[in-house]
Amino acid sequence: MLFSAGAVRGAEQLLIKQIVWVVLSLGLGLYVSFINLDWLGRKTWLVFGLCLVALALTLVPGIGVKVNGAQRWIGLGSLRVQPSEFAKIGLVLVLAYYFSSRQRHTGTFWLGFLLPSMITGAVCGLIILQPDFGTCFLCGAVAATMMFQAGTSLKWLLPVAGLAVAGFSALVYFDPHRIRRVTSFLDVEANADDSAYQLWQGMLAFGVGGVDGVGLGMGRQQMHFLPEAHTDFIFPVIGEELGLLCTFTIVLCFVFLFGFVYWRLRQAPRMYEYLVAMGSILFVSLQAIINMGVVTGSMPTKGMSLPFISYGGSNLMVTFIFLGLIVNVFRRWDNPKTLHPREL
């Protein structure tokens, strides 16, 4: 599918690079699935600190790489790494470890709400400076869900959520470019030649594809009518070439993955493993929902890749690391000898 999305220019190069990323990601995910989670827990604060340093480095001139007005990458020779992707892992691990080591205080204001909120705020603050509103929202949503699952009261979470929404709204309102993207999302057809061009082309691709698609490699959106066809907007390319049946199957796969993990979470013997698995599947699932919602016109346009499918090394590696963490957690639950007698 990636080869088809980039068929006009550099498809072979994209495919080779992505194959390399897939192999590396599979190997990394397999390694993580066997790593000692207790050892990882003891290294959590170090991992989190490195994530914050990497996020800060993206803002340093000469180190951070700016693309399309956003400074979200660090240049390593010919490679570009996106620290905000790896910060997702750090956030999940640090919140899981924090709450599991303070289970008696999860209902208190200072230890159960304020400190984990400050941890989350450090990540979100650095991400929004890049700026990356989508990843910031994603991190905040996952962190809030993990806090609620750990026992943080809604009487503290809901007001903060309201303030966050108000803050996002203010940032959008005072940014002409972002307000155009929001208003164009509300009336795609009227802005099809301007701010909603990408979204309009994506919706056309779904319409042209119909039920069974026009055939692999036969879609017109690969001719660069659709910007970012191999990354954020690869789902419409799939819809055009392989049709509704394929796109619906992809949606079902994500639903099944989330449902299966959620079903297994009911058997969680310890809070640490529960929160690690919960945070991991939330990041993968919510990102898929946002991507599909954007490209179908259900949400405002926001650059966010489709897990497992979009081109890109950082996101693919992080996705497989999350899968590795989930598999690791399930292995521990299936092998009681690795667990401690501490209930959730």
C-alpha atoms as a PDB file:
ATOM      1  CA  MET A   1       0.000   0.000   0.000  1.00  0.00           C
ATOM      2  CA  LEU A   2       2.856   2.360   0.795  1.00  0.00           C
ATOM      3  CA  PHE A   3       4.407   1.576  -2.589  1.00  0.00           C
ATOM      4  CA  SER A   4       1.146   2.541  -4.272  1.00  0.00           C
ATOM      5  CA  ALA A   5       0.742   5.757  -2.261  1.00  0.00           C
ATOM      6  CA  GLY A   6       4.149   6.958  -3.409  1.00  0.00           C
ATOM      7  CA  ALA A   7       4.040   5.436  -6.873  1.00  0.00           C
ATOM      8  CA  VAL A   8       4.894   8.586  -8.797  1.00  0.00           C
ATOM      9  CA  ARG A   9       8.006   9.742  -6.977  1.00  0.00           C
ATOM     10  CA  GLY A  10      10.525   7.748  -4.948  1.00  0.00           C
ATOM     11  CA  ALA A  11       8.254   4.787  -4.253  1.00  0.00           C
ATOM     12  CA  GLU A  12      11.080   2.259  -4.279  1.00  0.00           C
ATOM     13  CA  GLN A  13      13.134   4.326  -1.866  1.00  0.00           C
ATOM     14  CA  LEU A  14      10.172   4.796   0.476  1.00  0.00           C
ATOM     15  CA  LEU A  15       9.433   1.074   0.387  1.00  0.00           C
ATOM     16  CA  ILE A  16      13.023   0.069   1.149  1.00  0.00           C
ATOM     17  CA  LYS A  17      13.240   2.517   4.051  1.00  0.00           C
ATOM     18  CA  GLN A  18       9.940   1.332   5.469  1.00  0.00           C
ATOM     19  CA  ILE A  19      10.970  -2.327   5.210  1.00  0.00           C
ATOM     20  CA  VAL A  20      14.067  -1.480   7.243  1.00  0.00           C
ATOM     21  CA  TRP A  21      11.917   0.316   9.832  1.00  0.00           C
ATOM     22  CA  VAL A  22       9.504  -2.631   9.985  1.00  0.00           C
ATOM     23  CA  VAL A  23      12.327  -5.108  10.625  1.00  0.00           C
ATOM     24  CA  LEU A  24      13.863  -2.877  13.309  1.00  0.00           C
ATOM     25  CA  SER A  25      10.466  -2.254  14.906  1.00  0.00           C
ATOM     26  CA  LEU A  26       9.598  -5.955  14.985  1.00  0.00           C
ATOM     27  CA  GLY A  27      12.930  -6.741  16.604  1.00  0.00           C
ATOM     28  CA  LEU A  28      12.519  -3.967  19.164  1.00  0.00           C
ATOM     29  CA  GLY A  29       8.959  -5.013  19.952  1.00  0.00           C
ATOM     30  CA  LEU A  30      10.070  -8.631  20.406  1.00  0.00           C
ATOM     31  CA  TYR A  31      12.863  -7.540  22.735  1.00  0.00           C
ATOM     32  CA  VAL A  32      10.488  -5.413  24.817  1.00  0.00           C
ATOM     33  CA  SER A  33       8.039  -8.326  25.096  1.00  0.00           C
ATOM     34  CA  PHE A  34      10.700 -10.288  27.018  1.00  0.00           C
ATOM     35  CA  ILE A  35      12.273  -7.482  29.046  1.00  0.00           C
ATOM     36  CA  ASN A  36      11.979  -7.596  32.842  1.00  0.00           C
ATOM     37  CA  LEU A  37       9.214  -5.122  33.690  1.00  0.00           C
ATOM     38  CA  ASP A  38      10.369  -4.795  37.293  1.00  0.00           C
ATOM     39  CA  TRP A  39      13.815  -3.753  36.061  1.00  0.00           C
ATOM     40  CA  LEU A  40      12.182  -1.379  33.587  1.00  0.00           C
ATOM     41  CA  GLY A  41      10.138   0.108  36.404  1.00  0.00           C
ATOM     42  CA  ARG A  42      13.304   0.925  38.336  1.00  0.00           C
ATOM     43  CA  LYS A  43      14.662   2.728  35.259  1.00  0.00           C
ATOM     44  CA  THR A  44      11.428   4.597  34.559  1.00  0.00           C
ATOM     45  CA  TRP A  45      12.503   8.001  35.848  1.00  0.00           C
ATOM     46  CA  LEU A  46      15.697   7.803  33.798  1.00  0.00           C
ATOM     47  CA  VAL A  47      13.707   6.958  30.664  1.00  0.00           C
ATOM     48  CA  PHE A  48      11.280   9.792  31.373  1.00  0.00           C
ATOM     49  CA  GLY A  49      14.106  12.261  31.943  1.00  0.00           C
ATOM     50  CA  LEU A  50      15.732  11.311  28.639  1.00  0.00           C
ATOM     51  CA  CYS A  51      12.396  11.836  26.886  1.00  0.00           C
ATOM     52  CA  LEU A  52      12.107  15.350  28.335  1.00  0.00           C
ATOM     53  CA  VAL A  53      15.665  16.180  27.295  1.00  0.00           C
ATOM     54  CA  ALA A  54      14.995  14.932  23.759  1.00  0.00           C
ATOM     55  CA  LEU A  55      11.807  17.014  23.568  1.00  0.00           C
ATOM     56  CA  ALA A  56      13.705  20.094  24.709  1.00  0.00           C
ATOM     57  CA  LEU A  57      16.439  19.486  22.117  1.00  0.00           C
ATOM     58  CA  THR A  58      13.922  19.791  19.290  1.00  0.00           C
ATOM     59  CA  LEU A  59      13.577  23.470  20.230  1.00  0.00           C
ATOM     60  CA  VAL A  60      17.327  24.154  20.116  1.00  0.00           C
ATOM     61  CA  PRO A  61      18.466  25.851  16.872  1.00  0.00           C
ATOM     62  CA  GLY A  62      20.875  23.671  14.953  1.00  0.00           C
ATOM     63  CA  ILE A  63      19.617  20.485  16.605  1.00  0.00           C
ATOM     64  CA  GLY A  64      15.885  20.600  16.027  1.00  0.00           C
ATOM     65  CA  VAL A  65      14.705  20.176  12.445  1.00  0.00           C
ATOM     66  CA  LYS A  66      11.798  22.309  11.232  1.00  0.00           C
ATOM     67  CA  VAL A  67       9.402  20.886   8.626  1.00  0.00           C
ATOM     68  CA  ASN A  68       6.275  22.735   7.447  1.00  0.00           C
ATOM     69  CA  GLY A  69       6.591  25.256  10.262  1.00  0.00           C
ATOM     70  CA  ALA A  70       6.839  22.669  13.059  1.00  0.00           C
ATOM     71  CA  GLN A  71      10.065  21.858  14.897  1.00  0.00           C
ATOM     72  CA  ARG A  72       9.355  18.298  16.026  1.00  0.00           C
ATOM     73  CA  TRP A  73      12.417  16.361  14.886  1.00  0.00           C
ATOM     74  CA  ILE A  74      16.060  15.890  15.820  1.00  0.00           C
ATOM     75  CA  GLY A  75      18.467  15.396  12.947  1.00  0.00           C
ATOM     76  CA  LEU A  76      20.873  12.459  13.276  1.00  0.00           C
ATOM     77  CA  GLY A  77      22.820  12.531  10.044  1.00  0.00           C
ATOM     78  CA  SER A  78      20.461  11.444   7.300  1.00  0.00           C
ATOM     79  CA  LEU A  79      17.883  10.280   9.855  1.00  0.00           C
ATOM     80  CA  ARG A  80      15.230  12.306  11.643  1.00  0.00           C
ATOM     81  CA  VAL A  81      13.871  11.182  15.003  1.00  0.00           C
ATOM     82  CA  GLN A  82      10.605  12.473  16.462  1.00  0.00           C
ATOM     83  CA  PRO A  83      11.042  12.601  20.273  1.00  0.00           C
ATOM     84  CA  SER A  84       7.345  13.275  20.923  1.00  0.00           C
ATOM     85  CA  GLU A  85       6.615   9.723  19.750  1.00  0.00           C
ATOM     86  CA  PHE A  86       9.007   8.203  22.279  1.00  0.00           C
ATOM     87  CA  ALA A  87       7.731  10.578  24.963  1.00  0.00           C
ATOM     88  CA  LYS A  88       4.467   8.631  24.783  1.00  0.00           C
ATOM     89  CA  ILE A  89       6.301   5.569  26.097  1.00  0.00           C
ATOM     90  CA  GLY A  90       7.987   7.570  28.835  1.00  0.00           C
ATOM     91  CA  LEU A  91       4.659   9.046  29.918  1.00  0.00           C
ATOM     92  CA  VAL A  92       2.940   5.645  30.134  1.00  0.00           C
ATOM     93  CA  LEU A  93       5.794   4.059  32.073  1.00  0.00           C
ATOM     94  CA  VAL A  94       6.267   6.909  34.540  1.00  0.00           C
ATOM     95  CA  LEU A  95       2.554   7.233  35.359  1.00  0.00           C
ATOM     96  CA  ALA A  96       2.171   3.461  35.725  1.00  0.00           C
ATOM     97  CA  TYR A  97       5.177   3.266  38.041  1.00  0.00           C
ATOM     98  CA  TYR A  98       4.173   6.384  39.972  1.00  0.00           C
ATOM     99  CA  PHE A  99       0.636   5.221  40.756  1.00  0.00           C
ATOM    100  CA  SER A 100       1.599   1.602  41.458  1.00  0.00           C
ATOM    101  CA  SER A 101       4.105   2.758  44.086  1.00  0.00           C
ATOM    102  CA  ARG A 102       1.602   5.147  45.717  1.00  0.00           C
ATOM    103  CA  GLN A 103      -1.629   3.192  45.687  1.00  0.00           C
ATOM    104  CA  ARG A 104      -2.648   4.440  49.135  1.00  0.00           C
ATOM    105  CA  HIS A 105      -2.498   8.052  47.955  1.00  0.00           C
ATOM    106  CA  THR A 106      -4.228   7.884  44.558  1.00  0.00           C
ATOM    107  CA  GLY A 107      -7.339   9.538  45.981  1.00  0.00           C
ATOM    108  CA  THR A 108      -5.483  12.496  47.485  1.00  0.00           C
ATOM    109  CA  PHE A 109      -5.040  15.890  45.865  1.00  0.00           C
ATOM    110  CA  TRP A 110      -1.269  16.309  46.158  1.00  0.00           C
ATOM    111  CA  LEU A 111      -0.004  12.815  45.364  1.00  0.00           C
ATOM    112  CA  GLY A 112      -2.990  11.465  43.470  1.00  0.00           C
ATOM    113  CA  PHE A 113      -3.663  14.468  41.252  1.00  0.00           C
ATOM    114  CA  LEU A 114      -1.233  17.391  41.385  1.00  0.00           C
ATOM    115  CA  LEU A 115       2.109  15.586  40.962  1.00  0.00           C
ATOM    116  CA  PRO A 116       0.969  13.287  38.112  1.00  0.00           C
ATOM    117  CA  SER A 117      -0.630  16.342  36.477  1.00  0.00           C
ATOM    118  CA  MET A 118       2.711  18.147  36.665  1.00  0.00           C
ATOM    119  CA  ILE A 119       4.418  15.120  35.076  1.00  0.00           C
ATOM    120  CA  THR A 120       1.893  15.164  32.247  1.00  0.00           C
ATOM    121  CA  GLY A 121       2.128  18.937  31.941  1.00  0.00           C
ATOM    122  CA  ALA A 122       5.901  18.768  31.462  1.00  0.00           C
ATOM    123  CA  VAL A 123       5.459  16.486  28.447  1.00  0.00           C
ATOM    124  CA  CYS A 124       2.495  18.347  26.964  1.00  0.00           C
ATOM    125  CA  GLY A 125       4.121  21.739  27.497  1.00  0.00           C
ATOM    126  CA  LEU A 126       7.249  20.809  25.554  1.00  0.00           C
ATOM    127  CA  ILE A 127       5.203  19.201  22.786  1.00  0.00           C
ATOM    128  CA  ILE A 128       2.913  22.193  22.318  1.00  0.00           C
ATOM    129  CA  LEU A 129       5.946  24.474  21.958  1.00  0.00           C
ATOM    130  CA  GLN A 130       6.994  22.592  18.798  1.00  0.00           C
ATOM    131  CA  PRO A 131       3.991  23.052  18.114  1.00  0.00           C
ATOM    132  CA  ASP A 132       2.086  19.755  17.908  1.00  0.00           C
ATOM    133  CA  PHE A 133      -1.482  20.169  19.121  1.00  0.00           C
ATOM    134  CA  GLY A 134      -2.555  16.674  18.096  1.00  0.00           C
ATOM    135  CA  THR A 135       0.116  14.789  20.039  1.00  0.00           C
ATOM    136  CA  CYS A 136      -0.349  17.134  22.996  1.00  0.00           C
ATOM    137  CA  PHE A 137      -4.070  16.352  23.059  1.00  0.00           C
ATOM    138  CA  LEU A 138      -3.364  12.628  22.686  1.00  0.00           C
ATOM    139  CA  CYS A 139      -0.896  12.593  25.588  1.00  0.00           C
ATOM    140  CA  GLY A 140      -3.269  14.572  27.785  1.00  0.00           C
ATOM    141  CA  ALA A 141      -6.221  12.298  27.023  1.00  0.00           C
ATOM    142  CA  VAL A 142      -4.271   9.094  27.705  1.00  0.00           C
ATOM    143  CA  ALA A 143      -2.723  10.489  30.886  1.00  0.00           C
ATOM    144  CA  ALA A 144      -6.117  11.631  32.209  1.00  0.00           C
ATOM    145  CA  THR A 145      -7.597   8.187  31.514  1.00  0.00           C
ATOM    146  CA  MET A 146      -4.707   6.466  33.290  1.00  0.00           C
ATOM    147  CA  MET A 147      -5.086   8.801  36.268  1.00  0.00           C
ATOM    148  CA  PHE A 148      -8.807   8.086  36.465  1.00  0.00           C
ATOM    149  CA  GLN A 149      -8.217   4.334  36.230  1.00  0.00           C
ATOM    150  CA  ALA A 150      -5.624   4.610  38.991  1.00  0.00           C
ATOM    151  CA  GLY A 151      -8.126   6.283  41.309  1.00  0.00           C
ATOM    152  CA  THR A 152      -7.790  10.043  40.765  1.00  0.00           C
ATOM    153  CA  SER A 153     -11.094  11.775  41.455  1.00  0.00           C
ATOM    154  CA  LEU A 154     -13.129  13.251  38.608  1.00  0.00           C
ATOM    155  CA  LYS A 155     -13.771  16.344  40.732  1.00  0.00           C
ATOM    156  CA  TRP A 156     -10.154  17.318  39.983  1.00  0.00           C
ATOM    157  CA  LEU A 157      -9.795  15.853  36.499  1.00  0.00           C
ATOM    158  CA  LEU A 158     -12.903  17.433  34.956  1.00  0.00           C
ATOM    159  CA  PRO A 159     -12.045  21.077  35.790  1.00  0.00           C
ATOM    160  CA  VAL A 160      -8.525  20.594  34.402  1.00  0.00           C
ATOM    161  CA  ALA A 161      -9.977  19.009  31.271  1.00  0.00           C
ATOM    162  CA  GLY A 162     -12.240  22.035  30.889  1.00  0.00           C
ATOM    163  CA  LEU A 163      -9.307  24.417  31.281  1.00  0.00           C
ATOM    164  CA  ALA A 164      -7.322  22.420  28.714  1.00  0.00           C
ATOM    165  CA  VAL A 165     -10.165  22.642  26.198  1.00  0.00           C
ATOM    166  CA  ALA A 166     -10.458  26.385  26.828  1.00  0.00           C
ATOM    167  CA  GLY A 167      -6.710  26.797  26.378  1.00  0.00           C
ATOM    168  CA  PHE A 168      -6.702  24.856  23.114  1.00  0.00           C
ATOM    169  CA  SER A 169      -9.647  26.895  21.882  1.00  0.00           C
ATOM    170  CA  ALA A 170      -7.859  30.154  22.690  1.00  0.00           C
ATOM    171  CA  LEU A 171      -4.686  29.048  20.900  1.00  0.00           C
ATOM    172  CA  VAL A 172      -6.711  28.114  17.834  1.00  0.00           C
ATOM    173  CA  TYR A 173      -8.779  31.306  17.913  1.00  0.00           C
ATOM    174  CA  PHE A 174      -5.729  33.596  17.970  1.00  0.00           C
ATOM    175  CA  ASP A 175      -3.932  31.691  15.193  1.00  0.00           C
ATOM    176  CA  PRO A 176      -5.383  32.594  11.754  1.00  0.00           C
ATOM    177  CA  HIS A 177      -3.947  29.476  10.121  1.00  0.00           C
ATOM    178  CA  ARG A 178      -5.468  27.121  12.682  1.00  0.00           C
ATOM    179  CA  ILE A 179      -8.824  28.868  12.724  1.00  0.00           C
ATOM    180  CA  ARG A 180      -8.995  28.442   8.942  1.00  0.00           C
ATOM    181  CA  ARG A 181      -8.369  24.729   9.333  1.00  0.00           C
ATOM    182  CA  VAL A 182     -11.190  24.438  11.858  1.00  0.00           C
ATOM    183  CA  THR A 183     -13.668  26.475   9.826  1.00  0.00           C
ATOM    184  CA  SER A 184     -12.760  24.624   6.630  1.00  0.00           C
ATOM    185  CA  PHE A 185     -13.441  21.334   8.386  1.00  0.00           C
ATOM    186  CA  LEU A 186     -16.960  22.563   9.131  1.00  0.00           C
ATOM    187  CA  ASP A 187     -17.604  23.240   5.423  1.00  0.00           C
ATOM    188  CA  VAL A 188     -15.227  21.114   3.382  1.00  0.00           C
ATOM    189  CA  GLU A 189     -16.817  21.592  -0.033  1.00  0.00           C
ATOM    190  CA  ALA A 190     -16.839  25.387   0.217  1.00  0.00           C
ATOM    191  CA  ASN A 191     -13.100  25.385   0.981  1.00  0.00           C
ATOM    192  CA  ALA A 192     -12.123  22.561  -1.365  1.00  0.00           C
ATOM    193  CA  ASP A 193      -9.741  24.764  -3.346  1.00  0.00           C
ATOM    194  CA  ASP A 194      -8.103  26.343  -0.307  1.00  0.00           C
ATOM    195  CA  SER A 195      -7.684  25.263   3.315  1.00  0.00           C
ATOM    196  CA  ALA A 196      -9.738  22.068   2.929  1.00  0.00           C
ATOM    197  CA  TYR A 197      -8.045  20.886  -0.269  1.00  0.00           C
ATOM    198  CA  GLN A 198      -6.311  17.923   1.358  1.00  0.00           C
ATOM    199  CA  LEU A 199      -9.437  16.807   3.188  1.00  0.00           C
ATOM    200  CA  TRP A 200     -11.579  17.215   0.070  1.00  0.00           C
ATOM    201  CA  GLN A 201      -9.198  15.077  -1.987  1.00  0.00           C
ATOM    202  CA  GLY A 202      -9.263  12.422   0.710  1.00  0.00           C
ATOM    203  CA  MET A 203     -13.051  12.335   0.739  1.00  0.00           C
ATOM    204  CA  LEU A 204     -13.078  12.116  -3.068  1.00  0.00           C
ATOM    205  CA  ALA A 205     -10.762   9.118  -2.849  1.00  0.00           C
ATOM    206  CA  PHE A 206     -13.219   7.264  -0.617  1.00  0.00           C
ATOM    207  CA  GLY A 207     -16.061   8.088  -3.003  1.00  0.00           C
ATOM    208  CA  VAL A 208     -14.176   6.931  -6.085  1.00  0.00           C
ATOM    209  CA  GLY A 209     -13.132   3.678  -4.413  1.00  0.00           C
ATOM    210  CA  GLY A 210     -16.655   2.596  -3.604  1.00  0.00           C
ATOM    211  CA  VAL A 211     -17.123  -0.877  -2.159  1.00  0.00           C
ATOM    212  CA  ASP A 212     -14.316  -2.836  -3.808  1.00  0.00           C
ATOM    213  CA  GLY A 213     -11.908  -0.106  -5.007  1.00  0.00           C
ATOM    214  CA  VAL A 214     -10.392   0.722  -8.375  1.00  0.00           C
ATOM    215  CA  GLY A 215      -7.515  -1.711  -7.973  1.00  0.00           C
ATOM    216  CA  LEU A 216      -4.122  -1.660  -6.298  1.00  0.00           C
ATOM    217  CA  GLY A 217      -1.892   0.960  -7.904  1.00  0.00           C
ATOM    218  CA  MET A 218      -4.719   2.337 -10.060  1.00  0.00           C
ATOM    219  CA  GLY A 219      -5.860   5.234  -7.879  1.00  0.00           C
ATOM    220  CA  ARG A 220      -5.481   8.845  -9.020  1.00  0.00           C
ATOM    221  CA  GLN A 221      -4.501  10.103  -5.559  1.00  0.00           C
ATOM    222  CA  GLN A 222      -1.089   8.499  -5.958  1.00  0.00           C
ATOM    223  CA  MET A 223      -0.483  11.162  -8.645  1.00  0.00           C
ATOM    224  CA  HIS A 224       0.026  13.677  -5.807  1.00  0.00           C
ATOM    225  CA  PHE A 225      -3.449  15.161  -5.965  1.00  0.00           C
ATOM    226  CA  LEU A 226      -3.590  14.175  -2.294  1.00  0.00           C
ATOM    227  CA  PRO A 227      -0.809  15.697  -0.135  1.00  0.00           C
ATOM    228  CA  GLU A 228       0.850  13.397   2.418  1.00  0.00           C
ATOM    229  CA  ALA A 229      -0.726  10.352   0.759  1.00  0.00           C
ATOM    230  CA  HIS A 230       1.937   8.027   2.162  1.00  0.00           C
ATOM    231  CA  THR A 231       1.760   9.336   5.745  1.00  0.00           C
ATOM    232  CA  ASP A 232      -1.219  11.028   7.412  1.00  0.00           C
ATOM    233  CA  PHE A 233      -3.632  10.468   4.514  1.00  0.00           C
ATOM    234  CA  ILE A 234      -2.785   6.904   3.519  1.00  0.00           C
ATOM    235  CA  PHE A 235      -6.221   5.667   4.654  1.00  0.00           C
ATOM    236  CA  PRO A 236      -8.048   7.430   1.758  1.00  0.00           C
ATOM    237  CA  VAL A 237      -5.560   5.862  -0.677  1.00  0.00           C
ATOM    238  CA  ILE A 238      -6.506   2.460   0.718  1.00  0.00           C
ATOM    239  CA  GLY A 239     -10.183   3.381   0.381  1.00  0.00           C
ATOM    240  CA  GLU A 240      -9.742   4.417  -3.240  1.00  0.00           C
ATOM    241  CA  GLU A 241      -7.700   1.445  -4.403  1.00  0.00           C
ATOM    242  CA  LEU A 242      -9.039  -1.380  -2.211  1.00  0.00           C
ATOM    243  CA  GLY A 243     -12.478  -0.043  -1.355  1.00  0.00           C
ATOM    244  CA  LEU A 244     -14.822   0.029   1.600  1.00  0.00           C
ATOM    245  CA  LEU A 245     -14.351  -3.667   2.317  1.00  0.00           C
ATOM    246  CA  CYS A 246     -10.648  -3.180   3.040  1.00  0.00           C
ATOM    247  CA  THR A 247     -11.042   0.024   5.055  1.00  0.00           C
ATOM    248  CA  PHE A 248     -13.824  -1.563   7.107  1.00  0.00           C
ATOM    249  CA  THR A 249     -11.589  -4.578   7.751  1.00  0.00           C
ATOM    250  CA  ILE A 250      -8.833  -2.273   9.017  1.00  0.00           C
ATOM    251  CA  VAL A 251     -11.293  -0.586  11.375  1.00  0.00           C
ATOM    252  CA  LEU A 252     -12.422  -3.999  12.643  1.00  0.00           C
ATOM    253  CA  CYS A 253      -8.801  -4.994  13.284  1.00  0.00           C
ATOM    254  CA  PHE A 254      -8.263  -1.952  15.502  1.00  0.00           C
ATOM    255  CA  VAL A 255     -11.570  -2.595  17.284  1.00  0.00           C
ATOM    256  CA  PHE A 256     -10.620  -6.231  17.863  1.00  0.00           C
ATOM    257  CA  LEU A 257      -7.166  -5.265  19.158  1.00  0.00           C
ATOM    258  CA  PHE A 258      -8.597  -2.781  21.640  1.00  0.00           C
ATOM    259  CA  GLY A 259     -11.419  -5.127  22.661  1.00  0.00           C
ATOM    260  CA  PHE A 260      -9.084  -8.052  23.243  1.00  0.00           C
ATOM    261  CA  VAL A 261      -6.652  -6.027  25.355  1.00  0.00           C
ATOM    262  CA  TYR A 262      -9.491  -4.430  27.327  1.00  0.00           C
ATOM    263  CA  TRP A 263     -10.987  -7.877  27.979  1.00  0.00           C
ATOM    264  CA  ARG A 264      -7.645  -9.164  29.253  1.00  0.00           C
ATOM    265  CA  LEU A 265      -7.228  -6.103  31.464  1.00  0.00           C
ATOM    266  CA  ARG A 266     -10.063  -7.379  33.637  1.00  0.00           C
ATOM    267  CA  GLN A 267      -7.702 -10.131  34.796  1.00  0.00           C
ATOM    268  CA  ALA A 268      -4.990  -7.706  35.909  1.00  0.00           C
ATOM    269  CA  PRO A 269      -3.410  -8.774  39.233  1.00  0.00           C
ATOM    270  CA  ARG A 270      -1.309  -5.625  39.730  1.00  0.00           C
ATOM    271  CA  MET A 271      -1.810  -1.933  39.060  1.00  0.00           C
ATOM    272  CA  TYR A 272       1.580  -1.460  37.399  1.00  0.00           C
ATOM    273  CA  GLU A 273       0.962  -3.996  34.626  1.00  0.00           C
ATOM    274  CA  TYR A 274      -2.636  -2.854  34.280  1.00  0.00           C
ATOM    275  CA  LEU A 275      -1.677   0.777  33.692  1.00  0.00           C
ATOM    276  CA  VAL A 276       1.192  -0.094  31.335  1.00  0.00           C
ATOM    277  CA  ALA A 277      -1.128  -2.169  29.139  1.00  0.00           C
ATOM    278  CA  MET A 278      -3.967   0.352  29.406  1.00  0.00           C
ATOM    279  CA  GLY A 279      -1.796   3.318  28.439  1.00  0.00           C
ATOM    280  CA  SER A 280      -0.194   1.396  25.577  1.00  0.00           C
ATOM    281  CA  ILE A 281      -3.441   0.306  23.938  1.00  0.00           C
ATOM    282  CA  LEU A 282      -4.989   3.751  24.462  1.00  0.00           C
ATOM    283  CA  PHE A 283      -2.187   5.464  22.563  1.00  0.00           C
ATOM    284  CA  VAL A 284      -2.465   3.055  19.621  1.00  0.00           C
ATOM    285  CA  SER A 285      -6.273   3.056  19.509  1.00  0.00           C
ATOM    286  CA  LEU A 286      -6.855   6.786  20.017  1.00  0.00           C
ATOM    287  CA  GLN A 287      -4.277   7.655  17.381  1.00  0.00           C
ATOM    288  CA  ALA A 288      -6.032   5.353  14.911  1.00  0.00           C
ATOM    289  CA  ILE A 289      -9.408   6.906  15.773  1.00  0.00           C
ATOM    290  CA  ILE A 290      -8.079  10.446  15.313  1.00  0.00           C
ATOM    291  CA  ASN A 291      -6.397   9.622  12.004  1.00  0.00           C
ATOM    292  CA  MET A 292      -9.493   7.942  10.596  1.00  0.00           C
ATOM    293  CA  GLY A 293     -11.724  10.696  11.953  1.00  0.00           C
ATOM    294  CA  VAL A 294      -9.615  13.391  10.296  1.00  0.00           C
ATOM    295  CA  VAL A 295      -9.370  11.793   6.845  1.00  0.00           C
ATOM    296  CA  THR A 296     -13.115  11.049   6.763  1.00  0.00           C
ATOM    297  CA  GLY A 297     -14.026  14.639   7.656  1.00  0.00           C
ATOM    298  CA  SER A 298     -15.290  13.800  11.138  1.00  0.00           C
ATOM    299  CA  MET A 299     -12.577  15.811  12.923  1.00  0.00           C
ATOM    300  CA  PRO A 300     -10.522  18.941  12.162  1.00  0.00           C
ATOM    301  CA  THR A 301      -7.476  18.274   9.993  1.00  0.00           C
ATOM    302  CA  LYS A 302      -4.473  17.344  12.130  1.00  0.00           C
ATOM    303  CA  GLY A 303      -1.301  15.607  11.093  1.00  0.00           C
ATOM    304  CA  MET A 304      -1.297  12.218  12.796  1.00  0.00           C
ATOM    305  CA  SER A 305      -0.176   8.950  11.249  1.00  0.00           C
ATOM    306  CA  LEU A 306      -2.180   5.724  11.080  1.00  0.00           C
ATOM    307  CA  PRO A 307      -0.513   3.100  13.320  1.00  0.00           C
ATOM    308  CA  PHE A 308       1.118   0.143  11.506  1.00  0.00           C
ATOM    309  CA  ILE A 309       0.323   1.549   8.048  1.00  0.00           C
ATOM    310  CA  SER A 310       1.598   5.114   7.561  1.00  0.00           C
ATOM    311  CA  TYR A 311       5.171   5.730   6.453  1.00  0.00           C
ATOM    312  CA  GLY A 312       7.540   6.768   9.215  1.00  0.00           C
ATOM    313  CA  GLY A 313      10.103   5.156  11.481  1.00  0.00           C
ATOM    314  CA  SER A 314       9.541   6.803  14.869  1.00  0.00           C
ATOM    315  CA  ASN A 315       5.818   6.118  15.061  1.00  0.00           C
ATOM    316  CA  LEU A 316       6.213   2.559  13.783  1.00  0.00           C
ATOM    317  CA  MET A 317       8.877   1.764  16.372  1.00  0.00           C
ATOM    318  CA  VAL A 318       6.810   3.250  19.186  1.00  0.00           C
ATOM    319  CA  THR A 319       3.719   1.328  18.071  1.00  0.00           C
ATOM    320  CA  PHE A 320       5.593  -1.977  18.169  1.00  0.00           C
ATOM    321  CA  ILE A 321       7.141  -1.075  21.533  1.00  0.00           C
ATOM    322  CA  PHE A 322       3.623  -0.565  22.882  1.00  0.00           C
ATOM    323  CA  LEU A 323       2.623  -3.958  21.473  1.00  0.00           C
ATOM    324  CA  GLY A 324       5.721  -5.477  23.059  1.00  0.00           C
ATOM    325  CA  LEU A 325       4.772  -3.993  26.436  1.00  0.00           C
ATOM    326  CA  ILE A 326       1.247  -5.394  26.136  1.00  0.00           C
ATOM    327  CA  VAL A 327       2.540  -8.867  25.223  1.00  0.00           C
ATOM    328  CA  ASN A 328       5.034  -8.670  28.090  1.00  0.00           C
ATOM    329  CA  VAL A 329       2.259  -7.850  30.540  1.00  0.00           C
ATOM    330  CA  PHE A 330       0.100 -10.735  29.313  1.00  0.00           C
ATOM    331  CA  ARG A 331       3.036 -13.136  29.596  1.00  0.00           C
ATOM    332  CA  ARG A 332       3.510 -12.141  33.228  1.00  0.00           C
ATOM    333  CA  TRP A 333      -0.150 -12.697  33.969  1.00  0.00           C
ATOM    334  CA  ASP A 334      -0.051 -16.122  32.310  1.00  0.00           C
ATOM    335  CA  ASN A 335       3.011 -17.054  34.377  1.00  0.00           C
ATOM    336  CA  PRO A 336       2.131 -16.493  38.073  1.00  0.00           C
ATOM    337  CA  LYS A 337       5.729 -17.199  39.143  1.00  0.00           C
ATOM    338  CA  THR A 338       6.741 -13.785  37.805  1.00  0.00           C
ATOM    339  CA  LEU A 339       4.149 -11.924  39.876  1.00  0.00           C
ATOM    340  CA  HIS A 340       4.176 -10.589  43.403  1.00  0.00           C
ATOM    341  CA  PRO A 341       1.186 -11.098  45.730  1.00  0.00           C
ATOM    342  CA  ARG A 342      -0.053  -7.530  45.310  1.00  0.00           C
ATOM    343  CA  GLU A 343      -3.540  -7.074  43.964  1.00  0.00           C
ATOM    344  CA  LEU A 344      -4.877  -4.240  41.890  1.00  0.00           C
END
